[in-house]
Protein backbone atom coordinates (compact mmCIF):
# COMPACT_ATOMS: atom_id res chain seq x y z
CA MET A 1 0.01 0.06 -0.05
CA ALA A 2 1.72 3.55 -1.19
CA THR A 3 1.25 5.77 2.03
CA LEU A 4 1.31 9.65 1.82
CA SER A 5 1.84 12.08 3.76
CA VAL A 6 -0.82 13.86 5.91
CA ARG A 7 -0.68 17.25 7.44
CA ARG A 8 -3.25 15.89 10.65
CA SER A 9 -4.93 18.82 12.97
CA SER A 10 -5.25 18.38 16.45
CA GLY A 11 -8.83 20.59 16.06
CA ARG A 12 -8.63 20.96 20.08
CA ARG A 13 -7.46 24.43 19.09
CA ARG A 14 -11.37 25.74 17.92
CA PHE A 15 -10.67 29.39 16.92
CA GLY A 16 -13.17 30.59 13.85
CA ILE A 17 -11.53 30.48 10.79
CA ARG A 18 -11.39 34.64 9.61
CA SER A 19 -12.09 35.52 6.61
CA GLU A 20 -9.39 36.60 3.93
CA ARG A 21 -12.17 38.35 2.18
CA VAL A 22 -12.54 40.56 5.34
CA VAL A 23 -8.90 40.99 5.64
CA GLY A 24 -8.96 42.55 1.97
CA ASP A 25 -11.69 44.88 2.22
CA ILE A 26 -10.10 46.21 5.36
CA VAL A 27 -6.86 46.94 3.50
CA THR A 28 -8.74 48.25 0.73
CA VAL A 29 -10.86 50.89 3.58
CA VAL A 30 -7.51 51.69 4.70
CA ASP A 31 -6.13 51.91 1.47
CA PHE A 32 -9.06 54.66 0.45
CA VAL A 33 -8.96 56.14 3.97
CA LEU A 34 -4.56 56.79 3.85
CA VAL A 35 -4.86 58.41 -0.04
CA ALA A 36 -8.38 60.89 0.38
CA GLY A 37 -6.84 61.91 3.89
CA VAL A 38 -2.56 62.85 2.78
CA ALA A 39 -4.31 64.92 0.38
CA LEU A 40 -6.38 66.79 2.76
CA LEU A 41 -2.11 66.32 5.08
CA ALA A 42 -0.33 68.22 2.28
CA LYS A 43 -3.34 71.11 1.78
CA TRP A 44 -2.45 71.93 5.52
CA LEU A 45 1.09 70.63 5.21
CA TYR A 46 2.13 72.62 1.75
CA ILE A 47 -0.25 75.25 1.39
CA GLY A 48 -1.43 76.63 4.94
CA PHE A 49 1.86 76.06 6.36
CA PHE A 50 4.44 76.10 4.05
CA LEU A 51 2.50 79.29 1.92
CA SER A 52 0.62 80.76 4.70
CA SER A 53 -3.03 80.82 2.45
CA GLN A 54 -6.34 80.12 3.48
CA GLN A 55 -7.68 78.22 0.86
CA GLU A 56 -10.77 76.34 1.69
CA ALA A 57 -9.74 72.19 2.48
CA GLU A 58 -13.30 71.27 0.60
CA PRO A 59 -12.02 70.84 -2.66
CA TYR A 60 -8.59 69.37 -2.18
CA LEU A 61 -10.83 66.85 0.11
CA ALA A 62 -12.71 66.50 -2.56
CA LEU A 63 -10.25 65.63 -5.71
CA GLY A 64 -8.05 62.90 -2.77
CA VAL A 65 -11.27 61.37 -2.59
CA LEU A 66 -11.87 61.05 -6.07
CA ALA A 67 -7.91 59.61 -6.70
CA ALA A 68 -8.83 57.84 -3.81
CA LEU A 69 -11.54 55.84 -5.67
CA ILE A 70 -9.70 55.29 -9.50
CA ALA A 71 -6.33 54.42 -7.19
CA VAL A 72 -8.10 51.55 -5.39
CA ALA A 73 -10.17 50.68 -8.12
CA THR A 74 -6.82 49.99 -9.94
CA PHE A 75 -5.19 48.20 -6.90
CA ARG A 76 -8.41 46.35 -7.06
CA SER A 77 -8.29 45.23 -10.69
CA GLN A 78 -4.83 44.45 -9.65
CA ASP A 79 -5.52 41.21 -7.60
CA LEU A 80 -3.49 43.55 -5.11
CA TYR A 81 -5.98 42.31 -2.19
CA SER A 82 -6.44 39.04 -2.84
CA ILE A 83 -4.73 36.90 0.61
CA GLU A 84 -1.73 35.96 -2.10
CA ARG A 85 -0.98 39.44 -3.09
CA LEU A 86 -0.89 40.99 0.45
CA ARG A 87 1.22 38.25 2.02
CA GLN A 88 3.81 38.88 -0.78
CA PHE A 89 5.15 42.45 -0.78
CA ARG A 90 7.27 41.67 -3.48
CA GLY A 91 5.57 43.80 -6.07
CA ALA A 92 3.40 45.55 -4.32
CA ALA A 93 5.43 48.59 -4.96
CA ARG A 94 5.06 48.65 -8.80
CA ARG A 95 1.18 48.04 -8.53
CA ILE A 96 0.70 50.81 -6.17
CA ALA A 97 3.17 53.16 -8.37
CA PHE A 98 1.06 52.19 -11.32
CA GLY A 99 -2.70 53.21 -9.38
CA LEU A 100 -1.21 56.03 -7.85
CA GLY A 101 0.07 57.68 -11.44
CA LEU A 102 -3.14 56.03 -13.44
CA ALA A 103 -5.37 58.25 -10.46
CA SER A 104 -2.87 61.73 -10.65
CA VAL A 105 -2.84 61.57 -14.69
CA ILE A 106 -7.11 60.87 -14.70
CA ILE A 107 -7.33 63.91 -12.02
CA LEU A 108 -4.66 66.43 -14.31
CA SER A 109 -6.49 65.26 -17.53
CA GLY A 110 -9.92 66.12 -15.94
CA GLY A 111 -8.59 69.29 -14.08
CA TYR A 112 -7.33 70.23 -17.58
CA LEU A 113 -10.72 69.22 -19.78
CA PHE A 114 -12.99 71.55 -17.29
CA LYS A 115 -9.99 74.51 -17.40
CA VAL A 116 -9.37 74.13 -13.20
CA SER A 117 -6.38 72.14 -13.10
CA ALA A 118 -4.70 75.48 -12.87
CA GLU A 119 -5.75 76.39 -9.82
CA TRP A 120 -3.92 73.57 -8.12
CA SER A 121 -0.85 73.30 -6.48
CA ARG A 122 2.01 71.41 -8.27
CA GLY A 123 3.50 71.32 -4.98
CA TRP A 124 0.67 70.30 -3.40
CA MET A 125 0.14 67.45 -5.81
CA ILE A 126 4.15 66.47 -5.80
CA ILE A 127 3.99 66.24 -1.82
CA TRP A 128 0.68 64.46 -1.98
CA ILE A 129 1.10 61.36 -4.64
CA LEU A 130 4.77 61.16 -3.20
CA GLY A 131 3.45 60.95 0.64
CA ALA A 132 0.23 58.58 -0.60
CA LEU A 133 2.70 56.31 -1.64
CA LEU A 134 4.88 55.78 0.90
CA VAL A 135 1.27 55.73 3.02
CA VAL A 136 -0.39 53.13 1.13
CA LEU A 137 3.22 50.93 1.19
CA PHE A 138 3.01 50.99 4.28
CA ASN A 139 0.13 49.85 4.86
CA HIS A 140 0.37 46.72 2.12
CA TYR A 141 3.73 46.33 4.82
CA LEU A 142 2.38 46.04 7.74
CA ALA A 143 -0.20 43.74 6.15
CA SER A 144 2.20 41.39 4.84
CA ARG A 145 3.57 41.07 7.79
CA PHE A 146 0.31 40.38 9.66
CA ILE A 147 -1.02 37.78 7.20
CA ARG A 148 2.09 35.86 7.53
CA SER A 149 2.00 35.79 10.93
CA TRP A 150 -1.90 34.72 11.20
CA ILE A 151 -1.60 32.22 8.60
CA LYS A 152 1.80 30.60 9.97
CA ALA A 153 -0.63 30.49 13.01
CA GLY A 154 -3.24 28.96 11.40
CA PHE A 155 -6.12 31.04 11.22
CA PHE A 156 -7.34 31.18 7.27
CA ALA A 157 -6.98 27.30 7.29
CA ARG A 158 -9.60 25.05 6.23
CA ASN A 159 -9.81 21.63 8.49
CA VAL A 160 -10.15 19.00 5.50
CA ALA A 161 -10.96 15.79 5.02
CA VAL A 162 -11.40 13.09 2.29
CA TYR A 163 -13.32 10.39 2.47
CA GLY A 164 -11.79 7.61 -0.08
CA SER A 165 -8.73 5.82 -0.81
CA GLY A 166 -8.24 4.91 -4.44
CA GLU A 167 -6.35 6.53 -6.78
CA ILE A 168 -8.45 9.97 -6.66
CA ALA A 169 -7.87 10.26 -3.00
CA ALA A 170 -3.98 9.82 -3.54
CA LYS A 171 -3.63 12.14 -6.57
CA MET A 172 -5.52 15.04 -4.39
CA LEU A 173 -3.78 14.32 -1.38
CA GLU A 174 -0.54 14.72 -3.62
CA HIS A 175 -1.52 17.95 -5.36
CA LEU A 176 -2.18 19.19 -1.79
CA SER A 177 0.66 18.14 0.07
CA LEU A 178 2.99 20.03 -3.16
CA ALA A 179 0.43 23.10 -3.46
CA ASP A 180 0.89 25.76 -0.98
CA ALA A 181 -2.22 25.38 -0.06
CA ASN A 182 -3.87 26.58 3.18
CA GLN A 183 -5.72 23.04 4.32
CA ARG A 184 -5.42 20.94 7.01
CA ILE A 185 -5.93 17.45 6.12
CA VAL A 186 -7.56 16.15 9.42
CA GLY A 187 -8.27 12.33 7.56
CA VAL A 188 -8.37 10.15 5.30
CA PHE A 189 -11.91 7.72 6.22
CA ASP A 190 -13.86 5.32 3.76
CA ASP A 191 -15.72 2.12 3.72
CA LEU A 192 -13.87 -0.89 1.81
CA THR A 193 -15.13 -3.91 0.65
CA ARG A 194 -13.99 -6.99 1.89
CA GLY A 195 -10.40 -7.48 -0.25
CA ALA A 196 -10.38 -3.94 -1.52
CA THR A 197 -6.62 -1.86 -0.55
CA PRO A 198 -6.71 1.74 0.16
CA GLN A 199 -3.70 3.20 -1.61
CA VAL A 200 -3.24 6.10 1.73
CA LEU A 201 -3.49 5.64 5.28
CA LEU A 202 -7.20 5.30 6.42
CA ALA A 203 -8.34 7.25 9.90
CA GLY A 204 -11.36 5.55 9.91
CA GLY A 205 -14.58 4.83 8.65
CA LEU A 206 -18.00 7.02 7.56
CA SER A 207 -19.28 6.28 11.41
CA ASP A 208 -15.76 8.00 11.99
CA LEU A 209 -15.52 10.90 10.16
CA ILE A 210 -19.08 11.71 11.49
CA GLN A 211 -18.04 11.20 15.36
CA THR A 212 -14.29 13.35 14.29
CA GLY A 213 -16.83 16.09 12.51
CA GLN A 214 -18.51 16.60 15.66
CA THR A 215 -15.55 16.72 18.00
CA VAL A 216 -13.19 18.90 16.23
CA ARG A 217 -14.10 21.68 13.44
CA ILE A 218 -14.45 19.91 10.13
CA ASP A 219 -14.73 23.13 7.50
CA GLU A 220 -14.84 20.94 4.59
CA VAL A 221 -15.62 17.02 3.23
CA LEU A 222 -13.67 16.27 0.67
CA LEU A 223 -15.49 13.28 -1.81
CA ALA A 224 -12.47 11.70 -3.91
CA LEU A 225 -15.16 8.93 -5.59
CA PRO A 226 -15.40 8.44 -9.08
CA MET A 227 -18.77 10.63 -10.19
CA SER A 228 -20.30 7.86 -11.52
CA ASP A 229 -20.66 5.85 -8.66
CA GLU A 230 -24.16 8.52 -7.96
CA HIS A 231 -26.15 5.89 -5.93
CA ARG A 232 -23.22 5.70 -3.21
CA LEU A 233 -22.53 9.64 -3.29
CA SER A 234 -25.72 10.61 -2.93
CA LYS A 235 -26.34 8.66 0.26
CA LEU A 236 -22.65 10.04 1.43
CA VAL A 237 -24.23 13.02 1.25
CA THR A 238 -27.31 12.44 2.91
CA GLN A 239 -25.36 10.60 5.99
CA LEU A 240 -22.68 13.38 6.09
CA SER A 241 -25.35 16.80 5.93
CA VAL A 242 -25.92 16.14 9.81
CA LEU A 243 -22.31 18.17 9.78
CA PRO A 244 -21.84 22.01 10.16
CA ALA A 245 -18.90 21.55 7.05
CA ASP A 246 -18.83 22.06 3.13
CA ILE A 247 -20.05 18.74 1.47
CA ARG A 248 -17.62 18.99 -1.98
CA LEU A 249 -16.72 16.52 -4.51
CA CYS A 250 -13.62 16.01 -5.84
CA PRO A 251 -12.73 15.75 -8.90
CA ASP A 252 -12.58 12.53 -11.95
CA MET A 253 -8.56 11.99 -12.77
CA ALA A 254 -9.61 14.32 -15.82
CA ALA A 255 -10.62 17.26 -14.20
CA PHE A 256 -6.27 17.35 -12.87
CA GLN A 257 -5.69 18.42 -16.82
CA MET A 258 -8.87 20.08 -17.30
CA ARG A 259 -9.09 22.60 -14.41
CA PRO A 260 -12.71 23.69 -13.78
CA LEU A 261 -13.64 27.38 -13.61
CA GLY A 262 -16.45 26.69 -11.68
CA ILE A 263 -19.75 25.54 -11.42
CA VAL A 264 -23.43 25.96 -13.41
CA SER A 265 -26.34 25.17 -13.36
CA TYR A 266 -28.05 24.15 -15.80
CA ASP A 267 -32.10 24.01 -15.20
CA GLY A 268 -31.26 22.58 -11.65
CA VAL A 269 -28.66 20.22 -12.83
CA PRO A 270 -25.42 20.81 -11.80
CA VAL A 271 -22.46 21.36 -14.46
CA LEU A 272 -18.51 21.58 -14.07
CA GLU A 273 -17.41 24.67 -16.41
CA LEU A 274 -14.18 23.88 -17.69
CA VAL A 275 -13.28 26.50 -20.25
CA ARG A 276 -15.52 30.55 -20.78
CA LYS A 277 -15.91 32.49 -23.70
CA PRO A 278 -13.99 35.52 -23.24
CA LEU A 279 -14.94 38.70 -23.69
CA GLY A 280 -18.68 37.73 -22.20
CA ASP A 281 -21.58 39.62 -20.94
CA TRP A 282 -20.26 43.79 -21.33
CA ALA A 283 -17.14 43.47 -21.91
CA PRO A 284 -17.65 43.25 -25.58
CA PHE A 285 -19.11 46.54 -25.84
CA ILE A 286 -16.45 47.80 -23.93
CA LYS A 287 -13.75 46.63 -25.49
CA ALA A 288 -15.01 47.64 -28.52
CA PHE A 289 -16.17 51.65 -27.68
CA GLU A 290 -12.39 51.45 -26.53
CA ASP A 291 -10.81 50.54 -29.83
CA ARG A 292 -12.73 52.90 -31.98
CA PHE A 293 -12.49 56.15 -29.07
CA PHE A 294 -9.04 55.43 -28.67
CA ALA A 295 -8.11 54.35 -32.29
CA ALA A 296 -9.46 56.98 -34.06
CA LEU A 297 -7.87 59.32 -31.08
CA ALA A 298 -4.48 58.45 -32.03
CA LEU A 299 -4.83 58.09 -35.68
CA LEU A 300 -5.84 61.82 -34.95
CA LEU A 301 -2.96 62.90 -32.94
CA LEU A 302 -0.76 60.54 -34.90
CA SER A 303 -1.63 61.38 -38.68
CA PRO A 304 1.62 64.56 -39.14
CA LEU A 305 3.80 61.95 -37.95
CA MET A 306 2.07 58.84 -40.35
CA ILE A 307 2.75 61.50 -42.80
CA CYS A 308 6.50 61.89 -42.69
CA VAL A 309 6.56 58.42 -42.23
CA ALA A 310 5.10 57.84 -45.62
CA LEU A 311 6.85 60.49 -47.13
CA ALA A 312 10.11 59.00 -45.69
CA ILE A 313 9.41 55.51 -47.06
CA LYS A 314 8.70 56.81 -50.53
CA PHE A 315 11.85 58.96 -50.68
CA ASP A 316 14.00 56.49 -49.37
CA SER A 317 13.11 53.42 -51.45
CA ARG A 318 11.45 52.42 -54.80
CA GLY A 319 7.92 50.87 -53.50
CA PRO A 320 4.36 51.11 -52.35
CA ILE A 321 3.78 53.59 -49.02
CA PHE A 322 1.88 50.48 -47.33
CA PHE A 323 2.39 46.66 -47.31
CA ARG A 324 -0.59 44.34 -46.68
CA GLN A 325 -0.30 40.99 -45.55
CA ARG A 326 -3.11 38.21 -44.62
CA ARG A 327 -3.20 36.83 -41.04
CA HIS A 328 -5.13 35.06 -39.07
CA GLY A 329 -7.89 37.05 -36.79
CA PHE A 330 -10.77 36.60 -34.42
CA ASN A 331 -11.70 32.48 -34.66
CA HIS A 332 -9.42 31.71 -37.44
CA GLN A 333 -10.99 34.42 -40.28
CA VAL A 334 -8.03 36.13 -42.56
CA ILE A 335 -8.18 39.36 -42.51
CA THR A 336 -5.34 42.06 -44.56
CA VAL A 337 -3.45 43.63 -41.98
CA LEU A 338 -2.07 47.00 -42.78
CA LYS A 339 1.48 47.99 -42.08
CA PHE A 340 4.38 50.71 -43.09
CA ARG A 341 6.56 49.38 -46.09
CA THR A 342 9.83 48.21 -44.50
CA MET A 343 11.54 46.06 -46.83
CA ARG A 344 12.70 46.67 -50.33
CA VAL A 345 10.22 42.89 -50.98
CA THR A 346 6.70 42.06 -49.76
CA GLN A 347 6.29 38.49 -49.54
CA ASP A 348 2.26 37.00 -48.68
CA GLY A 349 3.01 33.54 -49.36
CA PRO A 350 3.04 29.94 -48.65
CA VAL A 351 6.94 30.97 -46.79
CA VAL A 352 7.55 33.94 -45.32
CA PRO A 353 10.84 34.33 -43.73
CA GLN A 354 10.82 36.54 -40.30
CA ALA A 355 12.71 39.71 -40.51
CA SER A 356 16.34 38.41 -38.63
CA LYS A 357 19.39 41.20 -37.52
CA ASN A 358 21.53 42.41 -40.17
CA ASP A 359 18.60 41.18 -42.68
CA PRO A 360 19.25 42.63 -46.14
CA ARG A 361 15.70 42.79 -47.38
CA VAL A 362 14.50 45.87 -44.42
CA THR A 363 15.63 49.54 -46.18
CA ARG A 364 17.66 52.22 -43.98
CA VAL A 365 13.98 53.79 -43.48
CA GLY A 366 12.99 50.35 -42.82
CA LYS A 367 14.84 49.30 -39.61
CA TRP A 368 14.27 52.38 -38.01
CA LEU A 369 10.54 51.87 -38.19
CA ARG A 370 10.59 48.07 -37.09
CA ARG A 371 13.28 49.06 -33.91
CA SER A 372 10.52 51.42 -32.60
CA SER A 373 7.36 49.73 -34.11
CA LEU A 374 6.39 52.47 -35.90
CA ASP A 375 5.27 51.03 -39.02
CA GLU A 376 2.15 48.93 -36.94
CA LEU A 377 0.29 52.17 -36.87
CA PRO A 378 -1.57 51.68 -40.06
CA GLN A 379 -3.31 48.67 -37.87
CA LEU A 380 -5.45 51.73 -36.26
CA MET A 381 -7.40 51.46 -39.60
CA ASN A 382 -8.09 48.27 -38.97
CA VAL A 383 -8.70 48.54 -35.24
CA LEU A 384 -11.20 51.37 -36.56
CA ALA A 385 -12.81 48.36 -39.05
CA GLY A 386 -13.56 46.52 -36.23
CA GLU A 387 -10.61 43.11 -37.29
CA MET A 388 -8.39 44.43 -35.09
CA SER A 389 -8.48 45.46 -31.30
CA LEU A 390 -5.63 47.88 -29.65
CA VAL A 391 -4.32 45.80 -27.53
CA GLY A 392 -4.88 41.39 -28.36
CA PRO A 393 -2.47 38.69 -29.33
CA ARG A 394 -0.08 39.91 -32.17
CA PRO A 395 -1.26 38.17 -35.59
CA HIS A 396 0.93 36.32 -37.78
CA ALA A 397 1.40 35.52 -41.31
CA LEU A 398 -0.67 32.90 -42.37
CA ALA A 399 2.53 30.75 -42.89
CA HIS A 400 3.99 31.10 -39.83
CA ASN A 401 0.50 30.37 -38.19
CA GLU A 402 0.47 26.63 -39.73
CA HIS A 403 4.19 26.30 -39.37
CA TYR A 404 3.55 27.09 -35.05
CA SER A 405 0.23 25.62 -34.79
CA ALA A 406 1.70 21.72 -35.55
CA LEU A 407 4.61 22.74 -33.41
CA LEU A 408 2.66 24.17 -30.04
CA GLU A 409 -0.69 22.59 -28.69
CA THR A 410 -2.02 25.92 -27.04
CA TYR A 411 -1.07 28.36 -30.34
CA ALA A 412 -4.70 27.66 -32.04
CA ASN A 413 -6.07 29.67 -28.58
CA ARG A 414 -4.78 32.95 -29.00
CA HIS A 415 -7.58 33.36 -31.92
CA ARG A 416 -10.69 33.48 -28.97
CA MET A 417 -10.22 37.23 -28.98
CA LYS A 418 -8.93 40.00 -31.38
CA PRO A 419 -5.30 39.90 -32.41
CA GLY A 420 -4.15 43.76 -31.08
CA ILE A 421 -1.39 46.06 -32.18
CA THR A 422 0.46 45.45 -28.69
CA GLY A 423 -0.25 42.84 -25.98
CA TRP A 424 0.80 41.91 -22.93
CA ALA A 425 3.27 39.80 -24.06
CA GLN A 426 4.63 42.57 -26.07
CA VAL A 427 5.26 44.53 -23.43
CA ASN A 428 6.87 41.87 -21.16
CA GLY A 429 9.69 41.74 -24.20
CA TYR A 430 8.54 38.71 -26.40
CA ARG A 431 8.75 40.45 -29.15
CA GLY A 432 10.18 40.65 -33.18
CA GLU A 433 11.62 37.38 -34.21
CA THR A 434 10.75 34.15 -32.39
CA ASP A 435 13.50 31.59 -34.33
CA THR A 436 12.64 28.38 -31.24
CA PRO A 437 9.56 27.13 -30.42
CA ASP A 438 10.38 28.14 -27.04
CA LYS A 439 10.56 32.11 -27.51
CA MET A 440 7.17 31.60 -29.50
CA ARG A 441 6.05 29.82 -26.62
CA LYS A 442 6.73 32.10 -23.99
CA ARG A 443 4.36 34.96 -26.67
CA VAL A 444 1.71 32.81 -27.14
CA GLU A 445 2.01 31.90 -22.90
CA CYS A 446 1.37 35.83 -22.18
CA ASP A 447 -1.20 35.94 -24.90
CA LEU A 448 -2.91 33.12 -23.07
CA TYR A 449 -2.82 35.04 -19.76
CA TYR A 450 -4.14 38.27 -21.28
CA ILE A 451 -6.99 35.89 -23.06
CA GLU A 452 -7.87 34.39 -19.35
CA ASN A 453 -7.86 37.60 -17.91
CA TRP A 454 -8.60 40.41 -19.67
CA SER A 455 -10.81 43.67 -17.95
CA LEU A 456 -10.69 47.26 -19.30
CA TRP A 457 -8.08 47.94 -16.83
CA PHE A 458 -5.59 45.70 -17.75
CA ASP A 459 -5.75 46.64 -21.35
CA LEU A 460 -5.24 50.43 -20.06
CA LYS A 461 -2.30 48.92 -18.38
CA ILE A 462 -0.69 47.46 -21.85
CA LEU A 463 -1.70 50.72 -23.47
CA LEU A 464 0.46 53.08 -20.92
CA LEU A 465 3.36 50.80 -21.01
CA THR A 466 3.62 49.98 -24.50
CA PRO A 467 5.25 53.88 -24.89
CA PHE A 468 8.40 52.68 -22.58
CA PHE A 469 8.19 48.42 -22.32
CA GLY A 470 6.17 47.81 -25.84
CA LEU A 471 8.55 49.50 -28.52
CA PHE A 472 11.81 49.55 -28.26
CA GLY A 473 13.34 45.95 -27.98
CA LYS A 474 16.37 44.17 -28.64
CA ASN A 475 14.96 41.70 -31.26
CA ALA A 476 12.97 44.11 -33.40
CA PHE A 477 15.28 43.75 -36.85
C-alpha cells in the first residue's frame, strides 16, 4: 500500500476561521482613507503652513476622495487585495505606483479639460502623490507581516476531511501536499469492501468521520470518489449533511488536466465549467468602444507623424508606402493587416522568412521603423474597421501560423480574441523574431494569460506600458 504524508490537525484549538475577504476589504478601506487623508494633510502642510494661504480644504479633500476611488479600483483590478498578493509584499510597489500614477493622470486630465487645473498647487500634488505612495506601501508592508504571521498560526486554515482511498484521493492528497494550499487534512476515511486495499493511510470509516466532525471542527469534506458512483455519492451526502461543513466532490482524474473554472446550473443540474468564453456580458461592448475611441484619437494625434513616415518611405526606396499581408484574426478568420513598408520585397506566400538581424531585405528607414514599432501604426485603421483591437495577441503571417500551430498545442487558442497592435507579450519583452519554439511558447503563454484575465484596467495598463516597454526591443529587426 502506498502511503502519503498527511498534514493532520489535532482540531482542539477551536479558533474561528478569519475571513480572507474581510481582511482584503479592511486593507482596501485603509488604502482609501490614506490616499484621501494625505491629500488633506498635504494641503495643510504645504498650502496652509508653507505658503501661509487660507484656501478652503473641501476642494482638496474632494480631489483626494476621487483619486482614492480610482486608485483603489486600480489596485483591486490588479488583484492587490487577495490574500496571496497581500502576504507577498514583493511586487506591491510597482502595482501601487501604477494605481496612484493612473489616478493622478486622470485627475490632471479632467482638470485640464474643465479648465480648473490652474487653480491646483503643483507642490501640493507632488507632496500628496509621494506621501500617498509611502503610506500605502507602509500599509501593505504591515498587512503582509500580519497576514504571514496569521497564516503561520493557522488563522485562515480550513480543516479538511477526505472520504475515499483510491486513486482520486491519492492524487488529490499529493496535489495538496505540493501546492501552497492553506488546508489541514484531519484524516482520510473510507468504508472498503472486503479484500480492497487503500492507496492512502486511513483514519477510519464513515462513522468515524461523523464522530470526528462532531468533536473536532471540520470545515470541508472532500468526496474523492468516481462521479459515476452516483448512488453511493447521494447516500454519503445525505449522511454527511449532519455535519456543519462544506461537502464538495473531488473531480475525476481528467479534471487534474482540465482545471474547472466553476460550476453552473442547467435548470437545476450542476455542470462543471472547464473553459469560459472570453469577453462575456458587457465586455465586448466595452472593448469595442475602447478600441474605436482610442484608435480614432490616436489617428488624429499621430496623423502628422504618419505623413512624415510615409514621405520618408517614398524617398528612401522604390515601392508602395503600405505593406498588406493576410493574417489570422478572430476565430481564425483571414484579415488583411496594414503596415508601413519596411522591406524592399513584399512577401505574403506559403513561405515568409522572418526578419533577422542585418536582414538585407530591410530598408534604411524600415530598420528604424521596425525597431521603434512605428511600422504598426497603419493598423489603427484595422482597429477602426473592427478587424483588430488595440490590445490583444499579435497576428502572424499565415505561413507562421501553420508552422507554430503544428509545434505548439495551445497556439491556436490565441484566436479566441481579436488580434492587437500591442499586447501583454510585447510589454513583457516577447516581440520581434521568434526563431525557436521556446520563444513562441513564451509569447503564447502571455497571450493566453491576457485572454483569460482580460479587463478594461488590464488593457489600460498595457497601453500605458507600451511606450516604455513595448516599442523598442533588442529582438526587433
